[in-house]
N, C-alpha and C. Protein backbone atom coordinates (compact mmCIF):
# COMPACT_ATOMS: atom_id res chain seq x y z
N MET A 1 0.92 -1.16 -0.03
CA MET A 1 -0.04 -0.05 0.01
C MET A 1 0.76 1.23 0.03
N ALA A 2 0.57 2.15 -0.90
CA ALA A 2 1.39 3.43 -0.99
C ALA A 2 1.15 4.35 0.17
N LEU A 3 2.01 5.07 0.49
CA LEU A 3 2.08 6.09 1.53
C LEU A 3 0.79 7.00 1.37
N LYS A 4 0.50 7.34 0.19
CA LYS A 4 -0.80 8.25 -0.08
C LYS A 4 -2.15 7.45 0.29
N ASP A 5 -2.11 6.19 0.05
CA ASP A 5 -3.32 5.28 0.43
C ASP A 5 -3.41 5.20 1.84
N LEU A 6 -2.23 4.88 2.63
CA LEU A 6 -2.23 4.95 4.04
C LEU A 6 -2.68 6.20 4.68
N LEU A 7 -2.20 7.30 4.20
CA LEU A 7 -2.65 8.61 4.71
C LEU A 7 -4.18 8.88 4.51
N ALA A 8 -4.76 8.37 3.22
CA ALA A 8 -6.09 8.72 2.99
C ALA A 8 -6.92 7.76 4.01
N ALA A 9 -6.42 6.54 4.22
CA ALA A 9 -7.19 5.67 5.11
C ALA A 9 -7.16 6.26 6.58
N GLY A 10 -5.97 6.68 7.07
CA GLY A 10 -5.78 7.36 8.32
C GLY A 10 -6.67 8.45 8.43
N THR A 11 -6.75 9.27 7.41
CA THR A 11 -7.52 10.46 7.50
C THR A 11 -9.07 10.13 7.64
N GLY A 12 -9.64 9.25 6.87
CA GLY A 12 -10.80 8.67 6.93
C GLY A 12 -11.41 8.26 8.31
N ARG A 13 -10.35 7.40 8.93
CA ARG A 13 -10.63 7.07 10.34
C ARG A 13 -10.73 8.05 11.26
N LEU A 14 -9.87 9.09 11.16
CA LEU A 14 -9.83 10.24 11.90
C LEU A 14 -11.05 11.07 11.84
N ALA A 15 -11.57 11.19 10.62
CA ALA A 15 -12.83 11.96 10.39
C ALA A 15 -13.92 11.09 10.92
N ASP A 16 -13.98 9.90 10.92
CA ASP A 16 -15.06 9.10 11.55
C ASP A 16 -15.08 9.22 12.92
N ARG A 17 -13.84 9.28 13.66
CA ARG A 17 -13.72 9.56 15.05
C ARG A 17 -14.23 10.84 15.50
N ILE A 18 -13.82 11.91 14.73
CA ILE A 18 -14.31 13.16 14.88
C ILE A 18 -15.80 13.41 14.80
N THR A 19 -16.39 12.69 13.80
CA THR A 19 -17.89 12.71 13.67
C THR A 19 -18.59 12.10 14.93
N THR A 20 -17.94 10.89 15.23
CA THR A 20 -18.48 10.15 16.38
C THR A 20 -18.50 11.03 17.73
N ALA A 21 -17.31 11.66 17.86
CA ALA A 21 -17.11 12.68 19.09
C ALA A 21 -18.04 13.61 19.11
N GLY A 22 -18.21 14.20 17.97
CA GLY A 22 -19.36 15.44 17.75
C GLY A 22 -20.73 14.90 17.96
N ASP A 23 -21.03 13.72 17.52
CA ASP A 23 -22.45 13.13 17.83
C ASP A 23 -22.66 12.99 19.39
N GLU A 24 -21.56 12.34 20.06
CA GLU A 24 -21.67 12.15 21.45
C GLU A 24 -21.77 13.43 22.24
N ALA A 25 -21.02 14.50 21.79
CA ALA A 25 -21.08 15.77 22.46
C ALA A 25 -22.40 16.34 22.35
N GLY A 26 -23.12 16.15 21.06
CA GLY A 26 -24.45 16.75 20.81
C GLY A 26 -25.48 16.07 21.79
N ASP A 27 -25.25 14.71 21.94
CA ASP A 27 -26.22 13.96 22.88
C ASP A 27 -26.00 14.32 24.25
N ARG A 28 -24.81 14.57 24.63
CA ARG A 28 -24.49 15.06 26.11
C ARG A 28 -25.13 16.37 26.24
N ALA A 29 -25.04 17.26 25.30
CA ALA A 29 -25.55 18.61 25.44
C ALA A 29 -26.91 18.52 25.47
N ASP A 30 -27.64 17.78 24.79
CA ASP A 30 -29.07 17.58 24.92
C ASP A 30 -29.37 16.95 26.29
N ASP A 31 -28.70 16.14 26.74
CA ASP A 31 -28.95 15.54 28.11
C ASP A 31 -28.76 16.69 29.16
N VAL A 32 -27.83 17.46 29.11
CA VAL A 32 -27.54 18.59 30.06
C VAL A 32 -28.61 19.64 29.98
N ALA A 33 -29.18 19.80 28.68
CA ALA A 33 -30.19 20.98 28.54
C ALA A 33 -31.36 20.44 29.24
N TRP A 34 -31.67 19.02 29.05
CA TRP A 34 -33.12 18.34 29.72
C TRP A 34 -32.74 18.52 31.27
N ARG A 35 -31.67 18.23 31.72
CA ARG A 35 -31.53 18.25 33.20
C ARG A 35 -31.51 19.65 33.77
N VAL A 36 -31.01 20.65 32.94
CA VAL A 36 -31.23 22.11 33.50
C VAL A 36 -32.63 22.50 33.51
N GLU A 37 -33.33 22.13 32.47
CA GLU A 37 -34.66 22.43 32.33
C GLU A 37 -35.50 21.85 33.43
N LYS A 38 -35.24 20.58 33.90
CA LYS A 38 -35.81 20.02 35.04
C LYS A 38 -35.50 20.73 36.32
N LEU A 39 -34.25 21.02 36.54
CA LEU A 39 -33.80 21.95 37.65
C LEU A 39 -34.58 23.20 37.72
N SER A 40 -34.70 23.91 36.44
CA SER A 40 -35.41 25.17 36.37
C SER A 40 -36.91 24.94 36.84
N ASP A 41 -37.46 23.85 36.41
CA ASP A 41 -38.83 23.50 36.82
C ASP A 41 -38.89 23.43 38.32
N ARG A 42 -37.99 22.58 38.87
CA ARG A 42 -38.09 22.56 40.26
C ARG A 42 -37.80 23.78 41.04
N ALA A 43 -36.81 24.64 40.55
CA ALA A 43 -36.56 25.92 41.32
C ALA A 43 -37.79 26.73 41.19
N ALA A 44 -38.49 26.74 39.99
CA ALA A 44 -39.77 27.55 39.96
C ALA A 44 -40.71 27.16 41.01
N GLU A 45 -40.90 25.74 41.08
CA GLU A 45 -41.88 25.27 41.91
C GLU A 45 -41.50 25.67 43.41
N ARG A 46 -40.11 25.46 43.85
CA ARG A 46 -39.75 25.96 45.23
C ARG A 46 -40.06 27.41 45.41
N LEU A 47 -39.88 28.07 44.43
CA LEU A 47 -40.11 29.61 44.56
C LEU A 47 -41.46 29.86 44.74
N GLY A 48 -42.41 29.22 44.05
CA GLY A 48 -43.73 29.28 44.15
C GLY A 48 -44.32 28.85 45.56
N ASP A 49 -43.64 27.87 46.02
CA ASP A 49 -44.01 27.26 47.39
C ASP A 49 -43.56 28.31 48.42
N TYR A 50 -42.37 28.83 48.19
CA TYR A 50 -41.86 29.77 49.25
C TYR A 50 -42.84 31.10 49.20
N ALA A 51 -43.07 31.61 48.09
CA ALA A 51 -44.02 32.76 47.91
C ALA A 51 -45.32 32.53 48.59
N ALA A 52 -45.87 31.24 48.32
CA ALA A 52 -47.23 31.09 49.04
C ALA A 52 -47.23 30.88 50.51
N GLY A 53 -45.97 30.29 51.05
CA GLY A 53 -45.80 30.21 52.43
C GLY A 53 -45.68 31.69 52.98
N ALA A 54 -44.93 32.40 52.42
CA ALA A 54 -44.74 33.86 52.77
C ALA A 54 -46.02 34.53 52.84
N SER A 55 -46.87 34.33 51.74
CA SER A 55 -48.13 34.95 51.76
C SER A 55 -49.05 34.47 52.94
N ARG A 56 -48.95 33.27 53.12
CA ARG A 56 -49.74 32.75 54.36
C ARG A 56 -49.39 33.37 55.73
N ARG A 57 -48.05 33.55 55.82
CA ARG A 57 -47.48 34.07 56.94
C ARG A 57 -47.92 35.51 57.22
N VAL A 58 -47.73 36.38 56.13
CA VAL A 58 -48.35 37.68 56.23
C VAL A 58 -49.80 37.86 56.64
N ALA A 59 -50.50 36.91 55.86
CA ALA A 59 -52.04 36.97 56.05
C ALA A 59 -52.30 36.55 57.48
N ASN A 60 -51.68 35.58 58.00
CA ASN A 60 -51.87 35.40 59.44
C ASN A 60 -51.50 36.40 60.51
N ARG A 61 -50.49 37.00 60.07
CA ARG A 61 -50.01 38.15 60.98
C ARG A 61 -51.09 39.34 60.91
N LEU A 62 -51.38 39.69 59.80
CA LEU A 62 -52.58 40.57 59.55
C LEU A 62 -53.91 40.23 60.28
N VAL A 63 -54.25 38.93 60.12
CA VAL A 63 -55.33 38.58 60.92
C VAL A 63 -55.11 38.81 62.49
N ARG A 64 -54.01 38.40 62.94
CA ARG A 64 -53.79 38.52 64.43
C ARG A 64 -53.76 40.04 64.80
N LEU A 65 -53.26 40.90 63.95
CA LEU A 65 -53.16 42.39 64.12
C LEU A 65 -54.57 42.97 64.11
N GLY A 66 -55.33 42.52 63.28
CA GLY A 66 -56.61 43.05 63.24
C GLY A 66 -57.56 42.50 64.33
N GLU A 67 -57.18 41.23 64.99
CA GLU A 67 -57.90 40.77 66.13
C GLU A 67 -57.48 41.72 67.34
N ARG A 68 -56.16 42.01 67.44
CA ARG A 68 -55.72 42.79 68.56
C ARG A 68 -56.41 44.17 68.49
N VAL A 69 -56.37 44.75 67.30
CA VAL A 69 -56.97 46.18 67.19
C VAL A 69 -58.43 46.04 67.59
N ALA A 70 -59.10 45.14 67.11
CA ALA A 70 -60.58 44.92 67.28
C ALA A 70 -60.75 44.73 68.70
N GLY A 71 -59.86 44.01 69.36
CA GLY A 71 -60.10 43.80 70.99
C GLY A 71 -59.86 44.93 71.78
N ARG A 72 -59.28 45.83 71.25
CA ARG A 72 -58.97 47.11 72.10
C ARG A 72 -60.17 48.05 72.28
């Protein structure tokens, strides 16, 4: 086999490896994007829960304050 043929075969194998690595990187990027989306959903849910809890605490304090004012 001539040097030119060996070089062409090696270049072809290298191109296949680069393509495979690119495909794997794309798959991993998709997986990371999906995980980040799920984390974002969880963070939004936690923030909503926190806001609802804070709202309940404020409402309860206002009710107690109203009861104190009415009792005077």
